[in-house]
Amino acid sequence: MDKTKAAPRRLLQSRRFWSSVVSVITLMIAATRPELEEHLDVLAPTITTICVTLVGGYIIEDRELAKNPEAKQKEASHESNPA
C-alpha cells in the first residue's frame, strides 16, 4: 500500500488527533459563548491540561505496546471481546 494513502487513514484513526480536535473545538465554543467569557481564564488552561495529559497517556500506552508485542495482542483481543 502506498504510504501517502495510508497516512490520512492513520491520522483519522488516531486517538491523539481526535483528542486534540475535540479540545480545540471545546476551546472555540468556550471562547465564543458570552456567558462563559468571565470563566475563560480558568477554562482554557483546564481544557488544555486535560488534552495534553490525555495525549501524553496515549503516547506512553503506544510506546509500551510497541515494546511488548505480547501486550499488543492481548489489547487487540480485549477490544474485540467487549464483555
C-alpha atoms as a PDB file:
ATOM      1  CA  MET A   1       0.000   0.000   0.000  1.00  0.00           C
ATOM      2  CA  ASP A   2       1.198   3.488  -0.838  1.00  0.00           C
ATOM      3  CA  LYS A   3       2.340   5.428   2.242  1.00  0.00           C
ATOM      4  CA  THR A   4       0.695   8.642   1.015  1.00  0.00           C
ATOM      5  CA  LYS A   5      -2.694   6.920   1.058  1.00  0.00           C
ATOM      6  CA  ALA A   6      -2.135   5.273   4.443  1.00  0.00           C
ATOM      7  CA  ALA A   7      -1.134   8.471   6.256  1.00  0.00           C
ATOM      8  CA  PRO A   8      -4.570  10.173   6.190  1.00  0.00           C
ATOM      9  CA  ARG A   9      -6.243   6.942   7.278  1.00  0.00           C
ATOM     10  CA  ARG A  10      -3.840   6.577  10.215  1.00  0.00           C
ATOM     11  CA  LEU A  11      -4.435  10.194  11.172  1.00  0.00           C
ATOM     12  CA  LEU A  12      -8.212   9.783  11.198  1.00  0.00           C
ATOM     13  CA  GLN A  13      -7.896   6.664  13.365  1.00  0.00           C
ATOM     14  CA  SER A  14      -5.548   8.330  15.846  1.00  0.00           C
ATOM     15  CA  ARG A  15      -6.870   8.878  19.362  1.00  0.00           C
ATOM     16  CA  ARG A  16      -4.298  11.634  19.822  1.00  0.00           C
ATOM     17  CA  PHE A  17      -5.602  13.500  16.774  1.00  0.00           C
ATOM     18  CA  TRP A  18      -9.253  13.288  17.821  1.00  0.00           C
ATOM     19  CA  SER A  19      -8.464  14.293  21.401  1.00  0.00           C
ATOM     20  CA  SER A  20      -6.747  17.399  20.061  1.00  0.00           C
ATOM     21  CA  VAL A  21      -9.604  18.194  17.674  1.00  0.00           C
ATOM     22  CA  VAL A  22     -12.212  17.873  20.435  1.00  0.00           C
ATOM     23  CA  SER A  23     -10.111  20.090  22.716  1.00  0.00           C
ATOM     24  CA  VAL A  24      -9.753  22.804  20.080  1.00  0.00           C
ATOM     25  CA  ILE A  25     -13.497  22.717  19.347  1.00  0.00           C
ATOM     26  CA  THR A  26     -14.266  22.907  23.073  1.00  0.00           C
ATOM     27  CA  LEU A  27     -11.936  25.880  23.460  1.00  0.00           C
ATOM     28  CA  MET A  28     -13.559  27.619  20.493  1.00  0.00           C
ATOM     29  CA  ILE A  29     -17.032  27.084  21.927  1.00  0.00           C
ATOM     30  CA  ALA A  30     -15.946  28.330  25.348  1.00  0.00           C
ATOM     31  CA  ALA A  31     -14.342  31.409  23.791  1.00  0.00           C
ATOM     32  CA  THR A  32     -17.394  32.343  21.727  1.00  0.00           C
ATOM     33  CA  ARG A  33     -20.062  31.889  24.405  1.00  0.00           C
ATOM     34  CA  PRO A  34     -20.690  35.216  26.182  1.00  0.00           C
ATOM     35  CA  GLU A  35     -21.843  33.531  29.397  1.00  0.00           C
ATOM     36  CA  LEU A  36     -18.521  31.663  29.642  1.00  0.00           C
ATOM     37  CA  GLU A  37     -16.361  34.718  28.926  1.00  0.00           C
ATOM     38  CA  GLU A  38     -15.753  35.519  32.589  1.00  0.00           C
ATOM     39  CA  HIS A  39     -14.598  31.929  33.226  1.00  0.00           C
ATOM     40  CA  LEU A  40     -12.348  31.630  30.176  1.00  0.00           C
ATOM     41  CA  ASP A  41      -9.207  32.343  32.202  1.00  0.00           C
ATOM     42  CA  VAL A  42      -9.889  29.093  34.090  1.00  0.00           C
ATOM     43  CA  LEU A  43     -11.469  27.029  31.298  1.00  0.00           C
ATOM     44  CA  ALA A  44      -8.729  27.454  28.686  1.00  0.00           C
ATOM     45  CA  PRO A  45      -5.848  26.140  30.831  1.00  0.00           C
ATOM     46  CA  THR A  46      -8.037  23.361  32.216  1.00  0.00           C
ATOM     47  CA  ILE A  47      -9.110  22.104  28.785  1.00  0.00           C
ATOM     48  CA  THR A  48      -5.526  22.365  27.516  1.00  0.00           C
ATOM     49  CA  THR A  49      -4.161  20.464  30.519  1.00  0.00           C
ATOM     50  CA  ILE A  50      -6.709  17.682  30.086  1.00  0.00           C
ATOM     51  CA  CYS A  51      -5.840  17.361  26.381  1.00  0.00           C
ATOM     52  CA  VAL A  52      -2.085  17.318  26.980  1.00  0.00           C
ATOM     53  CA  THR A  53      -2.451  14.738  29.759  1.00  0.00           C
ATOM     54  CA  LEU A  54      -4.686  12.528  27.620  1.00  0.00           C
ATOM     55  CA  VAL A  55      -2.386  12.692  24.595  1.00  0.00           C
ATOM     56  CA  GLY A  56       0.636  12.031  26.811  1.00  0.00           C
ATOM     57  CA  GLY A  57      -1.092   8.965  28.235  1.00  0.00           C
ATOM     58  CA  TYR A  58      -1.805   7.706  24.726  1.00  0.00           C
ATOM     59  CA  ILE A  59       1.867   8.195  23.811  1.00  0.00           C
ATOM     60  CA  ILE A  60       3.014   6.224  26.864  1.00  0.00           C
ATOM     61  CA  GLU A  61       0.481   3.479  26.113  1.00  0.00           C
ATOM     62  CA  ASP A  62       1.572   3.245  22.467  1.00  0.00           C
ATOM     63  CA  ARG A  63       5.247   3.116  23.492  1.00  0.00           C
ATOM     64  CA  GLU A  64       4.584   0.282  25.957  1.00  0.00           C
ATOM     65  CA  LEU A  65       2.587  -1.658  23.376  1.00  0.00           C
ATOM     66  CA  ALA A  66       5.430  -1.235  20.877  1.00  0.00           C
ATOM     67  CA  LYS A  67       7.943  -2.575  23.423  1.00  0.00           C
ATOM     68  CA  ASN A  68       5.831  -5.573  24.357  1.00  0.00           C
ATOM     69  CA  PRO A  69       4.196  -7.277  21.325  1.00  0.00           C
ATOM     70  CA  GLU A  70       2.510  -9.781  23.643  1.00  0.00           C
ATOM     71  CA  ALA A  71       0.615  -6.955  25.342  1.00  0.00           C
ATOM     72  CA  LYS A  72      -0.401  -5.647  21.914  1.00  0.00           C
ATOM     73  CA  GLN A  73      -2.044  -8.979  21.069  1.00  0.00           C
ATOM     74  CA  LYS A  74      -3.765  -9.005  24.447  1.00  0.00           C
ATOM     75  CA  GLU A  75      -5.046  -5.456  23.870  1.00  0.00           C
ATOM     76  CA  ALA A  76      -6.351  -6.385  20.408  1.00  0.00           C
ATOM     77  CA  SER A  77      -8.185  -9.435  21.735  1.00  0.00           C
ATOM     78  CA  HIS A  78      -9.621  -7.358  24.598  1.00  0.00           C
ATOM     79  CA  GLU A  79     -11.024  -4.788  22.149  1.00  0.00           C
ATOM     80  CA  SER A  80     -12.645  -7.469  20.007  1.00  0.00           C
ATOM     81  CA  ASN A  81     -14.438  -9.010  23.042  1.00  0.00           C
ATOM     82  CA  PRO A  82     -16.237  -6.166  24.835  1.00  0.00           C
ATOM     83  CA  ALA A  83     -17.694  -8.464  27.506  1.00  0.00           C
END
